[in-house]
Protein backbone atom coordinates (compact mmCIF):
# COMPACT_ATOMS: atom_id res chain seq x y z
CA MET A 1 -215.23 -0.70 -113.63
CA LYS A 2 -213.95 -2.99 -116.36
CA LYS A 3 -210.34 -2.10 -115.46
CA ILE A 4 -210.94 -3.08 -111.80
CA ILE A 5 -212.44 -6.45 -112.79
CA LEU A 6 -209.69 -7.11 -115.31
CA PHE A 7 -207.01 -6.14 -112.72
CA SER A 8 -208.66 -8.45 -110.15
CA LEU A 9 -208.69 -11.35 -112.57
CA ILE A 10 -205.10 -10.88 -113.61
CA SER A 11 -204.01 -10.59 -109.94
CA ALA A 12 -205.87 -13.76 -109.09
CA MET A 13 -204.24 -15.68 -111.99
CA ILE A 14 -200.80 -14.46 -111.08
CA THR A 15 -201.00 -15.20 -107.41
CA GLY A 16 -202.73 -18.56 -107.83
CA CYS A 17 -204.51 -20.35 -105.03
CA GLY A 18 -201.54 -20.69 -102.79
CA TYR A 19 -201.14 -24.52 -103.00
CA THR A 20 -197.61 -25.83 -103.12
CA THR A 21 -195.90 -29.11 -102.64
CA ARG A 22 -192.87 -27.35 -101.07
CA SER A 23 -192.25 -27.25 -97.35
CA ALA A 24 -193.28 -24.25 -95.32
CA ILE A 25 -189.94 -24.16 -93.45
CA SER A 26 -187.42 -21.45 -94.12
CA ASN A 27 -184.87 -21.87 -96.94
CA LYS A 28 -182.06 -21.49 -94.41
CA TYR A 29 -182.82 -25.01 -93.19
CA THR A 30 -181.89 -27.90 -95.48
CA THR A 31 -180.42 -30.56 -93.15
CA ILE A 32 -181.47 -32.17 -89.89
CA TYR A 33 -179.77 -34.43 -87.35
CA ILE A 34 -182.15 -36.87 -85.68
CA ALA A 35 -180.63 -37.56 -82.30
CA PRO A 36 -181.22 -41.17 -81.15
CA PHE A 37 -184.42 -41.21 -79.14
CA LEU A 38 -184.04 -41.96 -75.43
CA ASN A 39 -186.17 -44.38 -73.59
CA LYS A 40 -187.63 -42.53 -70.56
CA ILE A 41 -190.27 -45.12 -69.65
CA ASP A 42 -190.08 -45.89 -65.97
CA ILE A 43 -190.19 -49.67 -65.81
CA THR A 44 -189.69 -49.72 -62.05
CA ARG A 45 -193.11 -48.12 -61.36
CA GLU A 46 -195.48 -50.50 -59.66
CA ALA A 47 -198.44 -51.75 -61.67
CA GLY A 48 -201.72 -50.13 -60.66
CA SER A 49 -205.04 -49.46 -62.16
CA GLY A 50 -203.72 -46.35 -63.84
CA TYR A 51 -200.74 -48.21 -65.27
CA LYS A 52 -202.51 -51.42 -66.13
CA TYR A 53 -202.07 -51.05 -69.90
CA ARG A 54 -198.65 -49.35 -69.94
CA ILE A 55 -196.09 -51.85 -71.06
CA TYR A 56 -192.42 -51.93 -71.95
CA ARG A 57 -191.30 -52.91 -75.40
CA PRO A 58 -187.55 -53.35 -75.76
CA MET A 59 -185.70 -51.30 -78.31
CA LEU A 60 -188.76 -49.29 -79.24
CA GLU A 61 -186.72 -46.06 -79.02
CA SER A 62 -184.33 -47.43 -81.71
CA ASP A 63 -187.30 -48.26 -83.94
CA ILE A 64 -188.65 -44.75 -83.49
CA THR A 65 -185.26 -43.23 -84.51
CA ARG A 66 -185.04 -45.45 -87.58
CA LYS A 67 -188.62 -44.78 -88.66
CA VAL A 68 -188.26 -40.98 -88.24
CA THR A 69 -184.96 -40.87 -90.19
CA ASN A 70 -186.45 -42.98 -92.99
CA LYS A 71 -189.56 -40.69 -93.09
CA PHE A 72 -187.33 -37.59 -93.44
CA LEU A 73 -185.45 -39.36 -96.25
CA PHE A 74 -188.75 -40.11 -97.96
CA ASP A 75 -190.16 -36.63 -97.44
CA GLY A 76 -187.10 -34.87 -98.90
CA ASN A 77 -187.59 -31.45 -97.38
CA LEU A 78 -184.84 -31.93 -94.85
CA ARG A 79 -181.90 -34.18 -95.44
CA PRO A 80 -180.77 -36.26 -92.48
CA VAL A 81 -177.07 -35.74 -91.84
CA LYS A 82 -174.51 -36.17 -89.03
CA THR A 83 -174.61 -33.66 -86.18
CA GLU A 84 -171.71 -31.55 -87.36
CA ASN A 85 -173.33 -30.79 -90.74
CA ALA A 86 -176.90 -30.20 -89.51
CA ASP A 87 -178.90 -26.94 -89.57
CA LEU A 88 -181.51 -28.43 -87.20
CA VAL A 89 -181.33 -31.02 -84.45
CA LEU A 90 -184.42 -33.10 -83.50
CA LYS A 91 -184.23 -34.55 -80.00
CA GLY A 92 -186.78 -37.00 -78.66
CA GLU A 93 -187.52 -39.29 -75.84
CA LEU A 94 -190.01 -42.09 -75.56
CA VAL A 95 -192.17 -41.54 -72.49
CA GLU A 96 -194.97 -43.98 -72.81
CA PHE A 97 -196.15 -47.10 -74.68
CA ARG A 98 -199.67 -48.31 -74.06
CA ARG A 99 -202.04 -50.94 -75.41
CA ASP A 100 -205.56 -49.96 -74.39
CA PRO A 101 -208.53 -52.34 -74.96
CA LEU A 102 -211.37 -50.70 -76.91
CA ARG A 103 -213.85 -53.46 -77.58
CA TYR A 104 -214.71 -56.73 -75.91
CA THR A 105 -216.44 -59.87 -77.16
CA GLU A 106 -219.48 -61.39 -75.50
CA ASN A 107 -217.00 -63.68 -73.59
CA ASP A 108 -215.17 -60.61 -72.14
CA GLU A 109 -212.11 -61.20 -74.34
CA VAL A 110 -210.50 -58.13 -75.91
CA GLU A 111 -211.45 -57.82 -79.53
CA GLU A 112 -209.92 -54.38 -80.39
CA TYR A 113 -206.85 -52.58 -79.00
CA ARG A 114 -205.33 -49.13 -79.57
CA ILE A 115 -201.55 -48.86 -79.47
CA ASN A 116 -200.35 -45.44 -78.24
CA ILE A 117 -196.69 -44.35 -78.51
CA LEU A 118 -195.96 -41.01 -76.77
CA VAL A 119 -192.73 -39.02 -77.18
CA ASN A 120 -191.39 -35.67 -76.05
CA LEU A 121 -189.78 -33.65 -78.85
CA ALA A 122 -187.62 -30.64 -79.24
CA LEU A 123 -186.34 -29.06 -82.45
CA TRP A 124 -183.21 -26.96 -82.20
CA ASP A 125 -181.61 -24.50 -84.61
CA LYS A 126 -178.03 -25.65 -84.22
CA LYS A 127 -176.36 -22.55 -85.70
CA GLU A 128 -178.16 -20.14 -83.43
CA ASP A 129 -178.39 -22.63 -80.51
CA MET A 130 -182.06 -21.76 -80.20
CA LEU A 131 -185.09 -23.86 -79.41
CA VAL A 132 -187.40 -23.68 -82.43
CA TRP A 133 -190.29 -25.63 -80.89
CA GLN A 134 -190.95 -28.17 -78.27
CA GLU A 135 -193.82 -30.57 -77.83
CA ASN A 136 -194.55 -33.08 -75.03
CA SER A 137 -196.69 -36.21 -75.23
CA PHE A 138 -196.68 -36.16 -79.08
CA THR A 139 -198.58 -39.28 -80.04
CA GLY A 140 -198.64 -41.89 -82.75
CA ASP A 141 -201.41 -44.42 -82.48
CA PHE A 142 -203.05 -47.29 -84.28
CA THR A 143 -206.15 -49.40 -83.67
CA TYR A 144 -206.22 -53.07 -84.42
CA PHE A 145 -208.50 -56.09 -84.04
CA THR A 146 -207.47 -59.39 -82.49
CA SER A 147 -210.04 -61.51 -84.37
CA PHE A 148 -212.27 -61.31 -87.37
CA THR A 149 -215.19 -58.93 -86.92
CA THR A 150 -217.62 -57.12 -89.12
CA ALA A 151 -215.59 -53.94 -88.35
CA GLY A 152 -212.15 -55.18 -89.30
CA THR A 153 -209.65 -57.99 -89.91
CA PRO A 154 -207.16 -59.15 -87.27
CA LYS A 155 -203.60 -57.99 -87.05
CA SER A 156 -200.77 -59.05 -84.86
CA GLU A 157 -199.50 -56.66 -82.15
CA ASP A 158 -196.17 -56.43 -83.98
CA VAL A 159 -197.83 -55.18 -87.17
CA ALA A 160 -199.94 -52.79 -85.17
CA VAL A 161 -196.89 -51.39 -83.39
CA ASN A 162 -195.13 -50.95 -86.74
CA ASP A 163 -198.23 -49.11 -88.09
CA ALA A 164 -198.27 -46.87 -84.95
CA LEU A 165 -194.55 -46.18 -85.46
CA ASP A 166 -195.22 -45.18 -89.12
CA GLU A 167 -198.00 -42.84 -87.95
CA LEU A 168 -195.75 -41.30 -85.29
CA ALA A 169 -192.89 -40.75 -87.76
CA ARG A 170 -195.28 -39.20 -90.31
CA ARG A 171 -196.68 -36.77 -87.70
CA ILE A 172 -193.17 -35.86 -86.50
CA VAL A 173 -191.98 -35.03 -90.03
CA GLU A 174 -195.16 -32.99 -90.76
CA ARG A 175 -194.69 -31.08 -87.47
CA THR A 176 -191.13 -30.37 -88.33
CA VAL A 177 -191.50 -29.19 -91.93
CA GLU A 178 -194.71 -27.21 -91.49
CA GLN A 179 -194.66 -23.53 -90.61
CA TRP A 180 -193.85 -23.08 -86.94
């Protein structure tokens, strides 16, 4: 009985708890090419009740590409490179940008908004020309206040969009480097 307990303790100490700071992706992937995001927002669609809060923000797709590239550089698990040197290729398209009101003042003015940025993503293994994963309507969002309240301090829409972009880029990198 003592041998079993001793063996169990030694096994537990050797294997550890399983926590690591290393990525869960395969060692065969070390580089990634982030293709420039495409803007697929249909700006010709007529405004209606369902599209009331969908808006167009020029060059948002370029901002997404830049933020995602910077986040991969910061993360360090996959090194962004040119397409000819990449193990993986991340393709994305911006499909929606919304600013939804969440809270109103007593005077029916919007006090709180949520910014939503939705993208479609596909990760390709370049060497095997194989789709690794694909995800549609992948979202980055951020909530902000337009005036001082007991719940929060005001932010400009530009700051809120930047925060939503940071959240989207963080989630994209996590989705890419985690076990598929």
